Amino acid sequence: MENILSADKIVKFYKTNPALKYMSMNVPKGAIYGLVGKNGAGKTTLIRIVSGLQEPSKGQYTLFGINSDNSRAIRKIRKNMGVMVDSPAVDLDLTARENLMVQYKIIGISDYDTIDGLLKSVGLDAKSKKKVKTFSLGMRQRLGIAMALAGEPEFVILDEPANGIDPQGIIQLRELILRLNREKHTTFLISSHILDELSRVATHYGFVDDGRMVKEITAEELNSYNKKCTRYKLSDIETFERAAKKLELDYKVVSENQADVFGDVKIVDVAVALDKENCNIISATEHNESLEAYYVNLVGGERDA
């Protein structure tokens, strides 16, 4: 599959501190690529370099097939990109519509007919006369996303797009990303701490740790690696643990009355064993291992992505 972005052994130093250590990655054309890593892992630094906001200390990348060494061509090709990195770059004394009009001028679009629809797609009132300085964090974030989508770019990079957005807005954002990917074949690179939400849209993942790419994997491959499991709600977790050890089950206690049992284990076998120990199963549901669990198992440490 053709890559819309390929990074080759990028190194970035801040003074003497390396933020990226020979970082390589490949974002296939048409993918929704989820970039996962702890705070300080190097995600935003990588995004800033690809977006042209910083230069790598070493290494190179290609964008739409253009090598980053070709500075003139790479600047020109970035017109096909939309980017929201760090906090949205907006004029606080303008309305949302006025900010988008400025953005349209910057990217060379003189027809403003699509602005109202774009604002509506991110949940903002196109007719509102409120200045951005009165906006909440979530509203500013929505505007930043709209500005990144201005002009229907082929490649969109979003750094923590759900920051400050309410649950309904997150659902709306998810549906927008999926629709643009499906109908316009827009490629997305998304860095997000909300791994459960990321898992609902991503087709590919890159797991970053300590400035390095630890692993790249497709969503299909990830699903095949994740352990099948059944989550049990139990009357007595300690009694369950004794029975589970006797049965040599692969299990994990997840709360004071819940445990996950991994693998193809028949519920009836577990129920019979627990009945002998006077422990009741309150409920049992299939529960696949999450993206978060896979990430933690891959890089270790706390669940901070």
Protein backbone atom coordinates (compact mmCIF):
# COMPACT_ATOMS: atom_id res chain seq x y z
CA MET A 1 0.00 0.00 0.00
CA GLU A 2 1.23 3.48 -0.89
CA ASN A 3 2.29 5.61 2.10
CA ILE A 4 1.17 9.20 2.37
CA LEU A 5 3.84 9.76 5.06
CA SER A 6 7.06 7.86 5.76
CA ALA A 7 9.57 8.91 8.41
CA ASP A 8 13.08 7.47 8.27
CA LYS A 9 15.22 7.46 11.42
CA ILE A 10 14.34 10.97 12.56
CA VAL A 11 16.36 12.37 15.46
CA LYS A 12 15.42 15.56 17.29
CA PHE A 13 17.46 17.21 20.03
CA TYR A 14 16.32 19.99 22.35
CA LYS A 15 19.69 21.31 23.44
CA THR A 16 21.31 18.04 24.54
CA ASN A 17 18.08 16.15 25.24
CA PRO A 18 16.91 13.75 22.51
CA ALA A 19 13.13 13.93 21.98
CA LEU A 20 13.19 11.54 19.01
CA LYS A 21 15.68 8.69 18.69
CA TYR A 22 15.79 7.39 15.13
CA MET A 23 12.02 7.48 14.79
CA SER A 24 10.57 5.70 11.77
CA MET A 25 6.92 5.33 10.80
CA ASN A 26 4.65 4.70 7.81
CA VAL A 27 1.15 6.10 7.38
CA PRO A 28 -0.65 4.35 4.48
CA LYS A 29 -2.77 6.44 2.14
CA GLY A 30 -6.41 6.23 3.19
CA ALA A 31 -5.60 5.10 6.74
CA ILE A 32 -6.78 6.44 10.08
CA TYR A 33 -3.49 6.11 11.93
CA GLY A 34 -3.57 6.28 15.73
CA LEU A 35 -0.35 7.49 17.36
CA VAL A 36 -0.14 6.11 20.90
CA GLY A 37 2.41 6.90 23.60
CA LYS A 38 2.99 8.37 27.05
CA ASN A 39 3.38 12.07 27.70
CA GLY A 40 6.88 13.01 26.57
CA ALA A 41 7.23 9.97 24.31
CA GLY A 42 7.81 12.20 21.26
CA LYS A 43 4.40 12.19 19.57
CA THR A 44 3.93 15.97 19.36
CA THR A 45 7.55 16.54 18.36
CA LEU A 46 7.11 14.12 15.46
CA ILE A 47 3.87 15.83 14.43
CA ARG A 48 5.47 19.28 14.56
CA ILE A 49 8.33 18.11 12.33
CA VAL A 50 6.02 16.53 9.76
CA SER A 51 3.85 19.65 9.80
CA GLY A 52 6.84 21.87 9.07
CA LEU A 53 6.81 23.64 12.44
CA GLN A 54 10.23 22.22 13.36
CA GLU A 55 13.20 20.71 11.57
CA PRO A 56 14.69 17.31 12.46
CA SER A 57 18.22 17.21 13.82
CA LYS A 58 18.87 14.12 11.71
CA GLY A 59 16.89 11.88 9.40
CA GLN A 60 14.26 12.64 6.79
CA TYR A 61 10.68 11.94 5.81
CA THR A 62 8.58 11.82 2.66
CA LEU A 63 5.15 13.43 2.31
CA PHE A 64 2.96 12.58 -0.69
CA GLY A 65 6.11 11.01 -2.15
CA ILE A 66 8.14 14.23 -1.77
CA ASN A 67 11.38 14.01 0.25
CA SER A 68 11.77 16.52 3.08
CA ASP A 69 15.20 17.50 1.68
CA ASN A 70 13.32 19.18 -1.19
CA SER A 71 12.21 22.14 0.93
CA ARG A 72 10.43 24.06 -1.85
CA ALA A 73 8.40 21.08 -3.05
CA ILE A 74 7.56 19.94 0.50
CA ARG A 75 6.21 23.42 1.37
CA LYS A 76 4.02 23.35 -1.73
CA ILE A 77 2.69 19.85 -1.08
CA ARG A 78 1.66 20.81 2.46
CA LYS A 79 -1.28 22.69 0.92
CA ASN A 80 -2.86 19.23 0.74
CA MET A 81 -2.56 18.90 4.53
CA GLY A 82 -4.67 20.12 7.42
CA VAL A 83 -3.06 20.30 10.86
CA MET A 84 -4.13 20.96 14.42
CA VAL A 85 -1.22 20.68 16.82
CA ASP A 86 -0.97 21.95 20.41
CA SER A 87 -3.73 24.56 20.98
CA PRO A 88 -5.70 25.80 17.95
CA ALA A 89 -4.16 28.85 16.25
CA VAL A 90 -7.15 31.20 16.18
CA ASP A 91 -7.76 34.94 16.42
CA LEU A 92 -9.61 35.49 19.70
CA ASP A 93 -11.17 38.78 18.54
CA LEU A 94 -12.89 37.19 15.54
CA THR A 95 -15.93 34.91 15.36
CA ALA A 96 -15.61 31.27 14.34
CA ARG A 97 -16.83 32.08 10.83
CA GLU A 98 -14.40 34.99 10.50
CA ASN A 99 -11.52 32.76 11.61
CA LEU A 100 -12.43 30.26 8.91
CA MET A 101 -12.64 33.04 6.31
CA VAL A 102 -9.05 33.96 7.20
CA GLN A 103 -8.02 30.32 6.95
CA TYR A 104 -9.68 30.02 3.53
CA LYS A 105 -7.74 33.06 2.30
CA ILE A 106 -4.46 31.57 3.57
CA ILE A 107 -4.98 28.34 1.64
CA GLY A 108 -6.17 30.18 -1.46
CA ILE A 109 -9.94 29.60 -1.38
CA SER A 110 -12.06 32.64 -2.29
CA ASP A 111 -15.48 30.94 -2.15
CA TYR A 112 -16.84 30.87 1.40
CA ASP A 113 -19.99 28.85 0.63
CA THR A 114 -18.71 25.75 2.43
CA ILE A 115 -17.84 27.48 5.72
CA ASP A 116 -21.29 27.21 7.29
CA GLY A 117 -21.49 23.48 6.59
CA LEU A 118 -17.98 22.96 7.96
CA LEU A 119 -18.83 24.76 11.20
CA LYS A 120 -22.03 22.74 11.53
CA SER A 121 -20.08 19.49 11.03
CA VAL A 122 -17.99 20.21 14.14
CA GLY A 123 -20.96 21.36 16.21
CA LEU A 124 -20.51 25.13 16.01
CA ASP A 125 -23.18 27.68 15.12
CA ALA A 126 -22.19 29.25 11.81
CA LYS A 127 -24.39 32.31 12.47
CA SER A 128 -23.08 33.01 15.95
CA LYS A 129 -21.59 36.46 16.44
CA LYS A 130 -19.70 35.45 19.58
CA LYS A 131 -15.99 36.13 19.51
CA VAL A 132 -13.66 33.18 20.05
CA LYS A 133 -12.32 34.74 23.27
CA THR A 134 -15.71 33.88 24.85
CA PHE A 135 -15.48 30.23 23.76
CA SER A 136 -14.96 27.31 26.11
CA LEU A 137 -11.94 25.04 25.63
CA GLY A 138 -14.10 22.51 23.83
CA MET A 139 -15.53 25.12 21.45
CA ARG A 140 -12.06 26.38 20.57
CA GLN A 141 -11.01 22.79 19.96
CA ARG A 142 -13.95 22.30 17.59
CA LEU A 143 -12.93 25.43 15.71
CA GLY A 144 -9.35 24.19 15.47
CA ILE A 145 -10.60 20.95 13.94
CA ALA A 146 -12.73 22.88 11.45
CA MET A 147 -9.70 24.94 10.43
CA ALA A 148 -7.66 21.76 9.92
CA LEU A 149 -10.44 20.43 7.64
CA ALA A 150 -10.72 23.65 5.60
CA GLY A 151 -10.35 23.02 1.89
CA GLU A 152 -10.92 19.25 2.18
CA PRO A 153 -7.23 18.31 2.59
CA GLU A 154 -6.10 14.82 1.58
CA PHE A 155 -4.12 14.36 4.81
CA VAL A 156 -5.23 15.63 8.23
CA ILE A 157 -3.10 15.58 11.39
CA LEU A 158 -4.91 16.03 14.72
CA ASP A 159 -3.00 16.23 18.01
CA GLU A 160 -5.37 15.43 20.91
CA PRO A 161 -8.50 16.49 18.98
CA ALA A 162 -10.92 15.47 21.77
CA ASN A 163 -9.26 17.70 24.37
CA GLY A 164 -11.99 19.55 26.28
CA ILE A 165 -14.82 18.23 24.10
CA ASP A 166 -17.92 16.81 25.79
CA PRO A 167 -19.01 13.17 25.20
CA GLN A 168 -21.62 14.11 22.59
CA GLY A 169 -19.02 16.17 20.75
CA ILE A 170 -16.58 13.26 20.78
CA ILE A 171 -19.20 11.04 19.14
CA GLN A 172 -19.82 13.75 16.54
CA LEU A 173 -16.07 14.04 15.88
CA ARG A 174 -15.77 10.27 15.50
CA GLU A 175 -18.60 10.17 12.97
CA LEU A 176 -17.05 13.07 11.04
CA ILE A 177 -13.65 11.37 10.81
CA LEU A 178 -15.18 8.08 9.70
CA ARG A 179 -17.37 9.83 7.11
CA LEU A 180 -14.51 11.83 5.60
CA ASN A 181 -12.33 8.74 5.51
CA ARG A 182 -15.06 6.68 3.88
CA GLU A 183 -16.45 9.23 1.43
CA LYS A 184 -13.45 11.47 0.66
CA HIS A 185 -10.73 8.87 1.38
CA THR A 186 -9.11 11.41 3.72
CA THR A 187 -6.04 10.07 5.53
CA PHE A 188 -5.83 10.90 9.25
CA LEU A 189 -2.93 10.85 11.71
CA ILE A 190 -4.40 11.19 15.20
CA SER A 191 -2.59 11.41 18.51
CA SER A 192 -4.99 10.87 21.41
CA HIS A 193 -5.00 9.98 25.10
CA ILE A 194 -8.53 8.59 24.80
CA LEU A 195 -7.53 5.12 23.66
CA ASP A 196 -11.01 3.63 23.80
CA GLU A 197 -12.25 6.30 21.41
CA LEU A 198 -9.17 5.95 19.19
CA SER A 199 -9.85 2.22 18.88
CA ARG A 200 -13.29 3.02 17.42
CA VAL A 201 -11.83 4.76 14.36
CA ALA A 202 -8.22 3.69 13.79
CA THR A 203 -7.24 1.33 10.99
CA HIS A 204 -3.54 1.42 11.90
CA TYR A 205 -1.52 2.14 15.05
CA GLY A 206 1.97 3.32 15.91
CA PHE A 207 3.13 2.76 19.50
CA VAL A 208 5.79 5.26 20.59
CA ASP A 209 7.94 5.10 23.70
CA ASP A 210 10.97 7.16 24.75
CA GLY A 211 11.34 8.78 21.33
CA ARG A 212 11.23 5.51 19.38
CA MET A 213 8.64 3.64 17.38
CA VAL A 214 8.11 0.41 19.32
CA LYS A 215 5.61 -1.20 16.97
CA GLU A 216 3.36 -0.46 14.01
CA ILE A 217 0.32 -2.66 13.55
CA THR A 218 -3.01 -2.71 11.73
CA ALA A 219 -6.28 -2.73 13.66
CA GLU A 220 -6.98 -6.16 12.17
CA GLU A 221 -3.67 -7.52 13.47
CA LEU A 222 -4.29 -5.94 16.87
CA ASN A 223 -7.68 -7.62 17.13
CA SER A 224 -6.13 -11.00 16.37
CA TYR A 225 -3.46 -10.51 19.06
CA ASN A 226 -5.88 -9.40 21.76
CA LYS A 227 -6.90 -12.19 24.05
CA LYS A 228 -10.46 -13.43 23.96
CA CYS A 229 -11.88 -13.31 27.44
CA THR A 230 -15.06 -13.53 29.49
CA ARG A 231 -15.71 -11.02 32.24
CA TYR A 232 -17.40 -12.53 35.31
CA LYS A 233 -19.27 -10.63 37.99
CA LEU A 234 -19.06 -12.75 41.13
CA SER A 235 -20.51 -13.03 44.60
CA ASP A 236 -17.09 -13.68 46.21
CA ILE A 237 -13.85 -12.75 44.42
CA GLU A 238 -11.56 -14.54 46.89
CA THR A 239 -13.44 -17.80 46.47
CA PHE A 240 -13.27 -17.37 42.71
CA GLU A 241 -9.48 -17.00 42.87
CA ARG A 242 -9.14 -20.28 44.79
CA ALA A 243 -11.30 -22.10 42.24
CA ALA A 244 -9.50 -20.47 39.30
CA LYS A 245 -6.13 -21.65 40.57
CA LYS A 246 -7.43 -25.21 40.92
CA LEU A 247 -8.68 -25.08 37.31
CA GLU A 248 -5.37 -23.47 36.21
CA LEU A 249 -7.27 -20.64 34.54
CA ASP A 250 -5.56 -17.66 32.93
CA TYR A 251 -7.39 -14.89 34.78
CA LYS A 252 -7.10 -11.33 36.07
CA VAL A 253 -9.06 -9.66 38.87
CA VAL A 254 -10.31 -6.29 37.63
CA SER A 255 -12.42 -5.11 40.59
CA GLU A 256 -13.72 -6.22 43.99
CA ASN A 257 -16.35 -8.38 42.33
CA GLN A 258 -15.17 -8.84 38.71
CA ALA A 259 -12.55 -10.99 37.02
CA ASP A 260 -11.53 -11.69 33.41
CA VAL A 261 -10.92 -15.29 32.31
CA PHE A 262 -8.86 -15.55 29.12
CA GLY A 263 -9.03 -18.16 26.41
CA ASP A 264 -11.79 -20.55 25.26
CA VAL A 265 -13.05 -21.64 28.67
CA LYS A 266 -16.63 -22.90 28.89
CA ILE A 267 -18.78 -20.90 31.27
CA VAL A 268 -20.45 -24.09 32.48
CA ASP A 269 -17.09 -25.51 33.62
CA VAL A 270 -16.37 -22.36 35.60
CA ALA A 271 -19.89 -22.34 37.04
CA VAL A 272 -19.61 -25.97 38.23
CA ALA A 273 -16.23 -25.32 39.87
CA LEU A 274 -17.52 -22.19 41.61
CA ASP A 275 -20.70 -23.90 42.77
CA LYS A 276 -18.58 -26.41 44.67
CA GLU A 277 -16.94 -23.47 46.45
CA ASN A 278 -20.28 -21.72 47.18
CA CYS A 279 -19.52 -18.84 44.82
CA ASN A 280 -22.18 -17.58 42.42
CA ILE A 281 -21.77 -16.07 38.96
CA ILE A 282 -23.92 -12.95 38.81
CA SER A 283 -23.19 -12.29 35.14
CA ALA A 284 -20.77 -13.36 32.41
CA THR A 285 -20.05 -11.39 29.22
CA GLU A 286 -17.51 -11.61 26.42
CA HIS A 287 -14.93 -8.89 26.87
CA ASN A 288 -12.01 -8.49 24.47
CA GLU A 289 -8.71 -7.08 25.73
CA SER A 290 -8.55 -3.35 25.02
CA LEU A 291 -6.14 -1.18 23.06
CA GLU A 292 -5.07 0.25 26.41
CA ALA A 293 -4.15 -3.19 27.76
CA TYR A 294 -2.22 -4.04 24.61
CA TYR A 295 -0.30 -0.76 24.85
CA VAL A 296 0.57 -1.29 28.52
CA ASN A 297 1.71 -4.85 27.86
CA LEU A 298 3.82 -3.62 24.96
CA VAL A 299 5.68 -0.75 26.62
CA GLY A 300 5.08 -1.43 30.34
CA GLY A 301 4.42 1.20 32.97
CA GLU A 302 1.29 3.08 33.88
CA ARG A 303 -1.74 3.59 31.68
CA ASP A 304 -0.71 7.07 30.53
CA ALA A 305 -1.01 7.42 26.78
